[in-house]
PDB file of N, CA and C in Angstrom:
ATOM      1  N   MET A   1     114.166  61.114 -61.647  1.00  0.00           N
ATOM      2  CA  MET A   1     112.772  61.408 -60.676  1.00  0.00           C
ATOM      3  C   MET A   1     112.063  60.087 -60.389  1.00  0.00           C
ATOM      4  N   ALA A   2     111.910  60.056 -59.410  1.00  0.00           N
ATOM      5  CA  ALA A   2     110.732  58.510 -59.010  1.00  0.00           C
ATOM      6  C   ALA A   2     109.357  59.041 -59.226  1.00  0.00           C
ATOM      7  N   ASP A   3     108.878  57.645 -59.658  1.00  0.00           N
ATOM      8  CA  ASP A   3     107.737  57.435 -60.026  1.00  0.00           C
ATOM      9  C   ASP A   3     106.769  57.737 -58.774  1.00  0.00           C
ATOM     10  N   THR A   4     105.949  58.487 -58.876  1.00  0.00           N
ATOM     11  CA  THR A   4     105.119  58.804 -57.706  1.00  0.00           C
ATOM     12  C   THR A   4     103.440  58.642 -57.737  1.00  0.00           C
ATOM     13  N   ARG A   5     103.399  57.717 -59.107  1.00  0.00           N
ATOM     14  CA  ARG A   5     101.931  57.682 -59.301  1.00  0.00           C
ATOM     15  C   ARG A   5     101.503  56.332 -58.425  1.00  0.00           C
ATOM     16  N   LEU A   6     100.088  56.300 -57.725  1.00  0.00           N
ATOM     17  CA  LEU A   6      99.770  55.316 -56.712  1.00  0.00           C
ATOM     18  C   LEU A   6      99.734  53.849 -57.642  1.00  0.00           C
ATOM     19  N   THR A   7      99.869  52.664 -57.033  1.00  0.00           N
ATOM     20  CA  THR A   7      99.385  51.629 -57.481  1.00  0.00           C
ATOM     21  C   THR A   7      98.232  51.301 -57.021  1.00  0.00           C
ATOM     22  N   LEU A   8      97.631  49.943 -57.197  1.00  0.00           N
ATOM     23  CA  LEU A   8      96.644  49.338 -56.674  1.00  0.00           C
ATOM     24  C   LEU A   8      96.970  49.115 -55.208  1.00  0.00           C
ATOM     25  N   ALA A   9      98.245  48.779 -55.118  1.00  0.00           N
ATOM     26  CA  ALA A   9      98.387  48.119 -54.054  1.00  0.00           C
ATOM     27  C   ALA A   9      98.861  49.363 -52.714  1.00  0.00           C
ATOM     28  N   ASP A  10      99.122  50.288 -53.488  1.00  0.00           N
ATOM     29  CA  ASP A  10      99.223  51.549 -52.734  1.00  0.00           C
ATOM     30  C   ASP A  10      98.165  52.348 -52.330  1.00  0.00           C
ATOM     31  N   GLN A  11      97.386  52.111 -53.064  1.00  0.00           N
ATOM     32  CA  GLN A  11      95.959  52.493 -52.797  1.00  0.00           C
ATOM     33  C   GLN A  11      95.239  51.616 -51.526  1.00  0.00           C
ATOM     34  N   ALA A  12      95.462  50.258 -51.689  1.00  0.00           N
ATOM     35  CA  ALA A  12      95.105  49.638 -50.832  1.00  0.00           C
ATOM     36  C   ALA A  12      95.439  49.682 -49.536  1.00  0.00           C
ATOM     37  N   LEU A  13      96.622  50.029 -49.395  1.00  0.00           N
ATOM     38  CA  LEU A  13      97.513  50.217 -48.025  1.00  0.00           C
ATOM     39  C   LEU A  13      97.196  51.480 -47.499  1.00  0.00           C
ATOM     40  N   ILE A  14      96.702  52.504 -48.048  1.00  0.00           N
ATOM     41  CA  ILE A  14      95.967  53.787 -47.682  1.00  0.00           C
ATOM     42  C   ILE A  14      94.737  53.580 -47.250  1.00  0.00           C
ATOM     43  N   ASN A  15      93.805  52.856 -47.673  1.00  0.00           N
ATOM     44  CA  ASN A  15      92.804  52.331 -47.418  1.00  0.00           C
ATOM     45  C   ASN A  15      92.640  51.791 -46.304  1.00  0.00           C
ATOM     46  N   ALA A  16      93.504  50.637 -46.090  1.00  0.00           N
ATOM     47  CA  ALA A  16      93.537  49.863 -45.058  1.00  0.00           C
ATOM     48  C   ALA A  16      93.977  50.255 -43.682  1.00  0.00           C
ATOM     49  N   LEU A  17      95.066  51.416 -44.102  1.00  0.00           N
ATOM     50  CA  LEU A  17      95.513  51.916 -42.789  1.00  0.00           C
ATOM     51  C   LEU A  17      94.507  52.830 -42.214  1.00  0.00           C
ATOM     52  N   ILE A  18      93.677  53.762 -43.284  1.00  0.00           N
ATOM     53  CA  ILE A  18      92.717  54.664 -42.674  1.00  0.00           C
ATOM     54  C   ILE A  18      91.337  53.767 -41.972  1.00  0.00           C
ATOM     55  N   VAL A  19      91.336  52.468 -42.093  1.00  0.00           N
ATOM     56  CA  VAL A  19      90.351  51.716 -41.486  1.00  0.00           C
ATOM     57  C   VAL A  19      90.825  51.160 -40.513  1.00  0.00           C
ATOM     58  N   ALA A  20      92.487  51.002 -40.289  1.00  0.00           N
ATOM     59  CA  ALA A  20      92.970  50.513 -39.069  1.00  0.00           C
ATOM     60  C   ALA A  20      93.170  51.623 -37.845  1.00  0.00           C
ATOM     61  N   THR A  21      93.351  52.871 -38.348  1.00  0.00           N
ATOM     62  CA  THR A  21      93.525  53.727 -37.435  1.00  0.00           C
ATOM     63  C   THR A  21      92.528  54.659 -36.739  1.00  0.00           C
ATOM     64  N   ALA A  22      91.507  54.878 -38.058  1.00  0.00           N
ATOM     65  CA  ALA A  22      90.463  55.840 -37.405  1.00  0.00           C
ATOM     66  C   ALA A  22      89.366  55.316 -36.180  1.00  0.00           C
ATOM     67  N   PRO A  23      89.109  56.326 -35.781  1.00  0.00           N
ATOM     68  CA  PRO A  23      88.360  55.757 -34.361  1.00  0.00           C
ATOM     69  C   PRO A  23      86.963  55.550 -35.030  1.00  0.00           C
ATOM     70  N   HIS A  24      86.653  54.320 -34.955  1.00  0.00           N
ATOM     71  CA  HIS A  24      85.705  53.622 -35.143  1.00  0.00           C
ATOM     72  C   HIS A  24      84.734  53.145 -34.177  1.00  0.00           C
ATOM     73  N   LEU A  25      83.787  53.776 -33.149  1.00  0.00           N
ATOM     74  CA  LEU A  25      83.338  53.284 -32.163  1.00  0.00           C
ATOM     75  C   LEU A  25      82.180  52.201 -32.480  1.00  0.00           C
ATOM     76  N   GLY A  26      82.611  51.119 -31.819  1.00  0.00           N
ATOM     77  CA  GLY A  26      81.764  49.742 -31.859  1.00  0.00           C
ATOM     78  C   GLY A  26      82.443  49.011 -33.407  1.00  0.00           C
ATOM     79  N   HIS A  27      83.602  49.396 -34.170  1.00  0.00           N
ATOM     80  CA  HIS A  27      83.745  48.622 -35.283  1.00  0.00           C
ATOM     81  C   HIS A  27      85.024  48.318 -35.102  1.00  0.00           C
ATOM     82  N   GLY A  28      85.400  47.865 -33.975  1.00  0.00           N
ATOM     83  CA  GLY A  28      86.874  47.475 -33.766  1.00  0.00           C
ATOM     84  C   GLY A  28      87.282  46.036 -34.686  1.00  0.00           C
ATOM     85  N   ASP A  29      86.005  45.367 -35.245  1.00  0.00           N
ATOM     86  CA  ASP A  29      86.209  43.930 -36.030  1.00  0.00           C
ATOM     87  C   ASP A  29      87.051  44.657 -37.580  1.00  0.00           C
ATOM     88  N   ASN A  30      86.300  46.079 -37.778  1.00  0.00           N
ATOM     89  CA  ASN A  30      87.045  46.277 -39.017  1.00  0.00           C
ATOM     90  C   ASN A  30      88.463  46.749 -39.093  1.00  0.00           C
ATOM     91  N   ALA A  31      88.737  47.501 -37.878  1.00  0.00           N
ATOM     92  CA  ALA A  31      90.207  47.811 -38.066  1.00  0.00           C
ATOM     93  C   ALA A  31      90.948  46.483 -37.705  1.00  0.00           C
ATOM     94  N   ARG A  32      90.742  45.308 -36.692  1.00  0.00           N
ATOM     95  CA  ARG A  32      91.198  44.232 -36.749  1.00  0.00           C
ATOM     96  C   ARG A  32      91.434  43.348 -38.309  1.00  0.00           C
ATOM     97  N   MET A  33      90.519  43.586 -38.832  1.00  0.00           N
ATOM     98  CA  MET A  33      90.379  43.006 -39.850  1.00  0.00           C
ATOM     99  C   MET A  33      91.736  43.983 -41.275  1.00  0.00           C
ATOM    100  N   ALA A  34      91.474  45.253 -40.925  1.00  0.00           N
ATOM    101  CA  ALA A  34      92.448  45.862 -41.861  1.00  0.00           C
ATOM    102  C   ALA A  34      93.908  45.850 -41.768  1.00  0.00           C
ATOM    103  N   ARG A  35      94.024  45.386 -40.377  1.00  0.00           N
ATOM    104  CA  ARG A  35      95.382  45.474 -39.806  1.00  0.00           C
ATOM    105  C   ARG A  35      96.015  43.719 -40.367  1.00  0.00           C
ATOM    106  N   GLY A  36      95.008  43.045 -40.399  1.00  0.00           N
ATOM    107  CA  GLY A  36      95.286  41.709 -40.791  1.00  0.00           C
ATOM    108  C   GLY A  36      95.388  41.870 -42.140  1.00  0.00           C
ATOM    109  N   LEU A  37      94.960  42.303 -43.208  1.00  0.00           N
ATOM    110  CA  LEU A  37      95.700  42.580 -44.448  1.00  0.00           C
ATOM    111  C   LEU A  37      96.860  43.079 -44.784  1.00  0.00           C
ATOM    112  N   LEU A  38      97.518  44.032 -43.911  1.00  0.00           N
ATOM    113  CA  LEU A  38      98.736  44.641 -44.016  1.00  0.00           C
ATOM    114  C   LEU A  38      99.797  43.762 -45.052  1.00  0.00           C
ATOM    115  N   GLY A  39     100.055  42.960 -44.149  1.00  0.00           N
ATOM    116  CA  GLY A  39     100.988  41.985 -44.759  1.00  0.00           C
ATOM    117  C   GLY A  39     101.167  41.662 -46.355  1.00  0.00           C
ATOM    118  N   GLY A  40      99.940  40.944 -46.595  1.00  0.00           N
ATOM    119  CA  GLY A  40      99.546  40.812 -47.766  1.00  0.00           C
ATOM    120  C   GLY A  40      99.865  42.066 -48.864  1.00  0.00           C
ATOM    121  N   ILE A  41      99.325  43.086 -48.535  1.00  0.00           N
ATOM    122  CA  ILE A  41      99.558  44.209 -49.428  1.00  0.00           C
ATOM    123  C   ILE A  41     100.789  44.965 -49.278  1.00  0.00           C
ATOM    124  N   LEU A  42     101.507  44.701 -48.093  1.00  0.00           N
ATOM    125  CA  LEU A  42     102.821  45.203 -48.033  1.00  0.00           C
ATOM    126  C   LEU A  42     103.916  45.295 -49.077  1.00  0.00           C
ATOM    127  N   ALA A  43     103.477  43.347 -49.474  1.00  0.00           N
ATOM    128  CA  ALA A  43     104.280  42.434 -50.486  1.00  0.00           C
ATOM    129  C   ALA A  43     104.128  42.826 -51.647  1.00  0.00           C
ATOM    130  N   HIS A  44     103.203  44.002 -51.902  1.00  0.00           N
ATOM    131  CA  HIS A  44     103.141  44.566 -53.691  1.00  0.00           C
ATOM    132  C   HIS A  44     103.257  46.200 -53.657  1.00  0.00           C
ATOM    133  N   VAL A  45     103.618  46.914 -52.420  1.00  0.00           N
ATOM    134  CA  VAL A  45     103.233  48.347 -52.825  1.00  0.00           C
ATOM    135  C   VAL A  45     104.724  48.838 -53.445  1.00  0.00           C
ATOM    136  N   ASN A  46     104.464  49.929 -53.823  1.00  0.00           N
ATOM    137  CA  ASN A  46     105.589  50.626 -54.602  1.00  0.00           C
ATOM    138  C   ASN A  46     106.710  51.196 -53.833  1.00  0.00           C
ATOM    139  N   ARG A  47     107.875  50.642 -53.504  1.00  0.00           N
ATOM    140  CA  ARG A  47     108.958  50.834 -52.352  1.00  0.00           C
ATOM    141  C   ARG A  47     109.739  52.135 -52.761  1.00  0.00           C
ATOM    142  N   GLY A  48     109.457  52.484 -54.378  1.00  0.00           N
ATOM    143  CA  GLY A  48     110.320  53.354 -54.852  1.00  0.00           C
ATOM    144  C   GLY A  48     109.574  54.845 -54.818  1.00  0.00           C
ATOM    145  N   ASN A  49     108.473  54.559 -54.304  1.00  0.00           N
ATOM    146  CA  ASN A  49     107.998  55.925 -54.122  1.00  0.00           C
ATOM    147  C   ASN A  49     108.191  56.475 -52.773  1.00  0.00           C
ATOM    148  N   PRO A  50     108.874  57.859 -52.953  1.00  0.00           N
ATOM    149  CA  PRO A  50     109.298  58.354 -51.849  1.00  0.00           C
ATOM    150  C   PRO A  50     108.373  58.995 -51.134  1.00  0.00           C
ATOM    151  N   LYS A  51     107.009  59.645 -51.716  1.00  0.00           N
ATOM    152  CA  LYS A  51     105.948  60.086 -50.966  1.00  0.00           C
ATOM    153  C   LYS A  51     105.394  59.230 -49.865  1.00  0.00           C
ATOM    154  N   LEU A  52     105.555  57.580 -50.053  1.00  0.00           N
ATOM    155  CA  LEU A  52     104.980  56.750 -49.274  1.00  0.00           C
ATOM    156  C   LEU A  52     105.769  55.945 -48.108  1.00  0.00           C
ATOM    157  N   THR A  53     107.429  56.436 -48.063  1.00  0.00           N
ATOM    158  CA  THR A  53     108.124  55.936 -47.557  1.00  0.00           C
ATOM    159  C   THR A  53     107.545  55.724 -45.750  1.00  0.00           C
ATOM    160  N   ALA A  54     107.318  57.061 -45.639  1.00  0.00           N
ATOM    161  CA  ALA A  54     106.820  57.071 -43.909  1.00  0.00           C
ATOM    162  C   ALA A  54     105.435  56.029 -43.964  1.00  0.00           C
ATOM    163  N   LEU A  55     104.702  56.187 -44.884  1.00  0.00           N
ATOM    164  CA  LEU A  55     103.512  55.273 -44.670  1.00  0.00           C
ATOM    165  C   LEU A  55     103.951  53.906 -44.400  1.00  0.00           C
ATOM    166  N   ILE A  56     104.633  53.501 -45.416  1.00  0.00           N
ATOM    167  CA  ILE A  56     104.728  51.821 -45.153  1.00  0.00           C
ATOM    168  C   ILE A  56     105.619  51.894 -44.259  1.00  0.00           C
ATOM    169  N   LYS A  57     106.776  52.683 -43.713  1.00  0.00           N
ATOM    170  CA  LYS A  57     107.183  51.979 -42.579  1.00  0.00           C
ATOM    171  C   LYS A  57     106.246  51.769 -41.238  1.00  0.00           C
ATOM    172  N   ALA A  58     105.253  52.709 -41.255  1.00  0.00           N
ATOM    173  CA  ALA A  58     104.179  52.606 -40.409  1.00  0.00           C
ATOM    174  C   ALA A  58     103.413  51.595 -40.217  1.00  0.00           C
ATOM    175  N   ALA A  59     103.024  51.206 -41.635  1.00  0.00           N
ATOM    176  CA  ALA A  59     102.217  50.015 -41.842  1.00  0.00           C
ATOM    177  C   ALA A  59     103.180  48.798 -41.563  1.00  0.00           C
ATOM    178  N   GLU A  60     104.250  48.696 -41.597  1.00  0.00           N
ATOM    179  CA  GLU A  60     105.362  47.578 -41.186  1.00  0.00           C
ATOM    180  C   GLU A  60     105.322  47.210 -39.685  1.00  0.00           C
ATOM    181  N   GLN A  61     105.432  48.719 -39.281  1.00  0.00           N
ATOM    182  CA  GLN A  61     105.588  48.444 -37.711  1.00  0.00           C
ATOM    183  C   GLN A  61     103.936  47.986 -37.177  1.00  0.00           C
ATOM    184  N   MET A  62     102.917  48.560 -37.831  1.00  0.00           N
ATOM    185  CA  MET A  62     101.693  47.962 -37.341  1.00  0.00           C
ATOM    186  C   MET A  62     101.538  46.438 -37.651  1.00  0.00           C
ATOM    187  N   HIS A  63     101.717  46.089 -38.735  1.00  0.00           N
ATOM    188  CA  HIS A  63     101.699  44.912 -38.792  1.00  0.00           C
ATOM    189  C   HIS A  63     102.681  43.940 -38.012  1.00  0.00           C
ATOM    190  N   ALA A  64     103.863  44.661 -37.776  1.00  0.00           N
ATOM    191  CA  ALA A  64     104.568  43.695 -36.548  1.00  0.00           C
ATOM    192  C   ALA A  64     103.901  43.648 -35.183  1.00  0.00           C
ATOM    193  N   GLY A  65     102.494  44.450 -34.983  1.00  0.00           N
ATOM    194  CA  GLY A  65     102.059  44.286 -33.515  1.00  0.00           C
ATOM    195  C   GLY A  65     102.403  46.027 -33.187  1.00  0.00           C
ATOM    196  N   GLY A  66     102.917  46.787 -33.608  1.00  0.00           N
ATOM    197  CA  GLY A  66     102.683  48.126 -33.026  1.00  0.00           C
ATOM    198  C   GLY A  66     101.654  48.562 -32.223  1.00  0.00           C
ATOM    199  N   GLY A  67     101.851  49.612 -31.172  1.00  0.00           N
ATOM    200  CA  GLY A  67     100.714  49.721 -30.462  1.00  0.00           C
ATOM    201  C   GLY A  67      99.970  51.373 -31.005  1.00  0.00           C
ATOM    202  N   TYR A  68      99.897  52.142 -29.683  1.00  0.00           N
ATOM    203  CA  TYR A  68      99.610  53.387 -29.984  1.00  0.00           C
ATOM    204  C   TYR A  68     100.215  54.450 -31.078  1.00  0.00           C
ATOM    205  N   ALA A  69     101.566  54.243 -30.481  1.00  0.00           N
ATOM    206  CA  ALA A  69     102.633  55.320 -31.001  1.00  0.00           C
ATOM    207  C   ALA A  69     102.524  55.112 -32.634  1.00  0.00           C
ATOM    208  N   THR A  70     102.273  53.780 -32.825  1.00  0.00           N
ATOM    209  CA  THR A  70     102.386  53.365 -34.138  1.00  0.00           C
ATOM    210  C   THR A  70     101.173  54.126 -34.901  1.00  0.00           C
ATOM    211  N   ASP A  71      99.987  53.659 -34.448  1.00  0.00           N
ATOM    212  CA  ASP A  71      98.641  54.444 -34.760  1.00  0.00           C
ATOM    213  C   ASP A  71      99.228  56.031 -35.230  1.00  0.00           C
ATOM    214  N   LEU A  72      99.645  56.659 -34.351  1.00  0.00           N
ATOM    215  CA  LEU A  72      99.834  58.201 -34.444  1.00  0.00           C
ATOM    216  C   LEU A  72     100.832  58.386 -35.478  1.00  0.00           C
ATOM    217  N   ARG A  73     101.864  57.440 -35.792  1.00  0.00           N
ATOM    218  CA  ARG A  73     102.718  57.760 -36.738  1.00  0.00           C
ATOM    219  C   ARG A  73     102.116  57.462 -38.290  1.00  0.00           C
ATOM    220  N   ALA A  74     101.188  56.550 -38.131  1.00  0.00           N
ATOM    221  CA  ALA A  74     100.525  56.143 -39.340  1.00  0.00           C
ATOM    222  C   ALA A  74      99.662  57.011 -39.669  1.00  0.00           C
ATOM    223  N   ARG A  75      98.820  57.461 -38.724  1.00  0.00           N
ATOM    224  CA  ARG A  75      97.798  58.788 -39.231  1.00  0.00           C
ATOM    225  C   ARG A  75      98.598  59.948 -39.686  1.00  0.00           C
ATOM    226  N   SER A  76      99.638  60.172 -38.795  1.00  0.00           N
ATOM    227  CA  SER A  76     100.448  61.451 -39.713  1.00  0.00           C
ATOM    228  C   SER A  76     101.024  61.191 -40.918  1.00  0.00           C
ATOM    229  N   ALA A  77     101.297  59.882 -41.392  1.00  0.00           N
ATOM    230  CA  ALA A  77     101.735  59.651 -42.479  1.00  0.00           C
ATOM    231  C   ALA A  77     100.640  59.886 -43.470  1.00  0.00           C
ATOM    232  N   LEU A  78      99.515  59.146 -43.114  1.00  0.00           N
ATOM    233  CA  LEU A  78      98.198  59.626 -44.058  1.00  0.00           C
ATOM    234  C   LEU A  78      97.788  61.032 -44.383  1.00  0.00           C
ATOM    235  N   ALA A  79      98.079  61.494 -43.176  1.00  0.00           N
ATOM    236  CA  ALA A  79      97.861  63.352 -43.620  1.00  0.00           C
ATOM    237  C   ALA A  79      98.816  63.447 -44.636  1.00  0.00           C
ATOM    238  N   ASP A  80     100.086  63.334 -44.203  1.00  0.00           N
ATOM    239  CA  ASP A  80     100.974  63.824 -45.283  1.00  0.00           C
ATOM    240  C   ASP A  80     100.507  63.100 -46.928  1.00  0.00           C
ATOM    241  N   VAL A  81     100.415  62.237 -46.976  1.00  0.00           N
ATOM    242  CA  VAL A  81     100.001  61.578 -48.170  1.00  0.00           C
ATOM    243  C   VAL A  81      98.312  62.169 -48.707  1.00  0.00           C
ATOM    244  N   ALA A  82      97.819  62.461 -47.840  1.00  0.00           N
ATOM    245  CA  ALA A  82      96.101  63.379 -48.312  1.00  0.00           C
ATOM    246  C   ALA A  82      96.712  64.700 -48.803  1.00  0.00           C
ATOM    247  N   LEU A  83      97.458  65.273 -48.033  1.00  0.00           N
ATOM    248  CA  LEU A  83      97.870  66.863 -48.523  1.00  0.00           C
ATOM    249  C   LEU A  83      98.635  66.710 -49.919  1.00  0.00           C
ATOM    250  N   TRP A  84      99.273  65.714 -50.043  1.00  0.00           N
ATOM    251  CA  TRP A  84     100.160  65.605 -51.476  1.00  0.00           C
ATOM    252  C   TRP A  84      99.436  65.372 -52.344  1.00  0.00           C
ATOM    253  N   ARG A  85      98.111  64.538 -52.275  1.00  0.00           N
ATOM    254  CA  ARG A  85      97.091  63.915 -53.202  1.00  0.00           C
ATOM    255  C   ARG A  85      96.310  65.264 -53.371  1.00  0.00           C
ATOM    256  N   LEU A  86      95.957  66.072 -52.111  1.00  0.00           N
ATOM    257  CA  LEU A  86      94.986  67.299 -52.377  1.00  0.00           C
ATOM    258  C   LEU A  86      95.697  68.137 -53.177  1.00  0.00           C
ATOM    259  N   GLY A  87      96.981  68.393 -52.848  1.00  0.00           N
ATOM    260  CA  GLY A  87      97.698  69.334 -54.032  1.00  0.00           C
ATOM    261  C   GLY A  87      97.806  68.893 -55.698  1.00  0.00           C
ATOM    262  N   GLY A  88      97.788  67.802 -55.574  1.00  0.00           N
ATOM    263  CA  GLY A  88      97.790  67.423 -57.021  1.00  0.00           C
ATOM    264  C   GLY A  88      96.624  67.677 -57.615  1.00  0.00           C
ATOM    265  N   ALA A  89      95.523  67.050 -57.325  1.00  0.00           N
ATOM    266  CA  ALA A  89      94.211  67.350 -57.363  1.00  0.00           C
ATOM    267  C   ALA A  89      93.814  68.414 -57.535  1.00  0.00           C
ATOM    268  N   LEU A  90      94.024  69.649 -56.775  1.00  0.00           N
ATOM    269  CA  LEU A  90      94.016  71.372 -56.944  1.00  0.00           C
ATOM    270  C   LEU A  90      94.765  71.577 -58.339  1.00  0.00           C
ATOM    271  N   GLU A  91      95.864  70.951 -58.322  1.00  0.00           N
ATOM    272  CA  GLU A  91      96.611  71.714 -59.563  1.00  0.00           C
ATOM    273  C   GLU A  91      95.977  71.225 -60.902  1.00  0.00           C
ATOM    274  N   ALA A  92      95.593  69.830 -61.004  1.00  0.00           N
ATOM    275  CA  ALA A  92      95.167  69.413 -61.951  1.00  0.00           C
ATOM    276  C   ALA A  92      93.669  69.916 -62.212  1.00  0.00           C
ATOM    277  N   MET A  93      92.747  70.197 -61.686  1.00  0.00           N
ATOM    278  CA  MET A  93      91.537  70.853 -61.587  1.00  0.00           C
ATOM    279  C   MET A  93      91.863  72.422 -61.940  1.00  0.00           C
ATOM    280  N   LYS A  94      93.095  73.182 -61.540  1.00  0.00           N
ATOM    281  CA  LYS A  94      93.351  74.371 -62.044  1.00  0.00           C
ATOM    282  C   LYS A  94      93.762  74.349 -63.358  1.00  0.00           C
ATOM    283  N   GLN A  95      94.281  73.447 -64.108  1.00  0.00           N
ATOM    284  CA  GLN A  95      94.490  72.934 -65.483  1.00  0.00           C
ATOM    285  C   GLN A  95      93.498  72.373 -66.153  1.00  0.00           C
ATOM    286  N   GLY A  96      92.397  72.481 -65.560  1.00  0.00           N
ATOM    287  CA  GLY A  96      91.356  71.627 -66.410  1.00  0.00           C
ATOM    288  C   GLY A  96      91.411  70.341 -66.534  1.00  0.00           C
ATOM    289  N   ASP A  97      92.270  69.351 -66.042  1.00  0.00           N
ATOM    290  CA  ASP A  97      92.365  67.931 -66.245  1.00  0.00           C
ATOM    291  C   ASP A  97      91.168  67.190 -65.615  1.00  0.00           C
ATOM    292  N   ALA A  98      90.440  67.839 -64.400  1.00  0.00           N
ATOM    293  CA  ALA A  98      89.442  66.995 -63.510  1.00  0.00           C
ATOM    294  C   ALA A  98      87.909  67.471 -64.348  1.00  0.00           C
ATOM    295  N   ALA A  99      87.217  66.539 -64.327  1.00  0.00           N
ATOM    296  CA  ALA A  99      86.124  66.628 -64.849  1.00  0.00           C
ATOM    297  C   ALA A  99      84.936  67.550 -63.449  1.00  0.00           C
TER     298      ALA A  99
END
């Protein structure tokens, strides 16, 4: 079974894609900055985590200069990861593992 824990680089990738794809009216510099960080982050992500495959692919396309369709793929992949993490958090809460 694959290790699906998130590394620091995985978490950085998720946050960079949120900043890069979220509509920030008047904050285009933040989106450009986040897109510029993708190359360095991608070098360290856990490519063995099947839960991140679509997210990593979208980030690679964005880093290569992808446009609007790439943004949509990244948003979709982010939603999938968020749902996966939400499910895990709710399960931990049910089991009393969360403070």
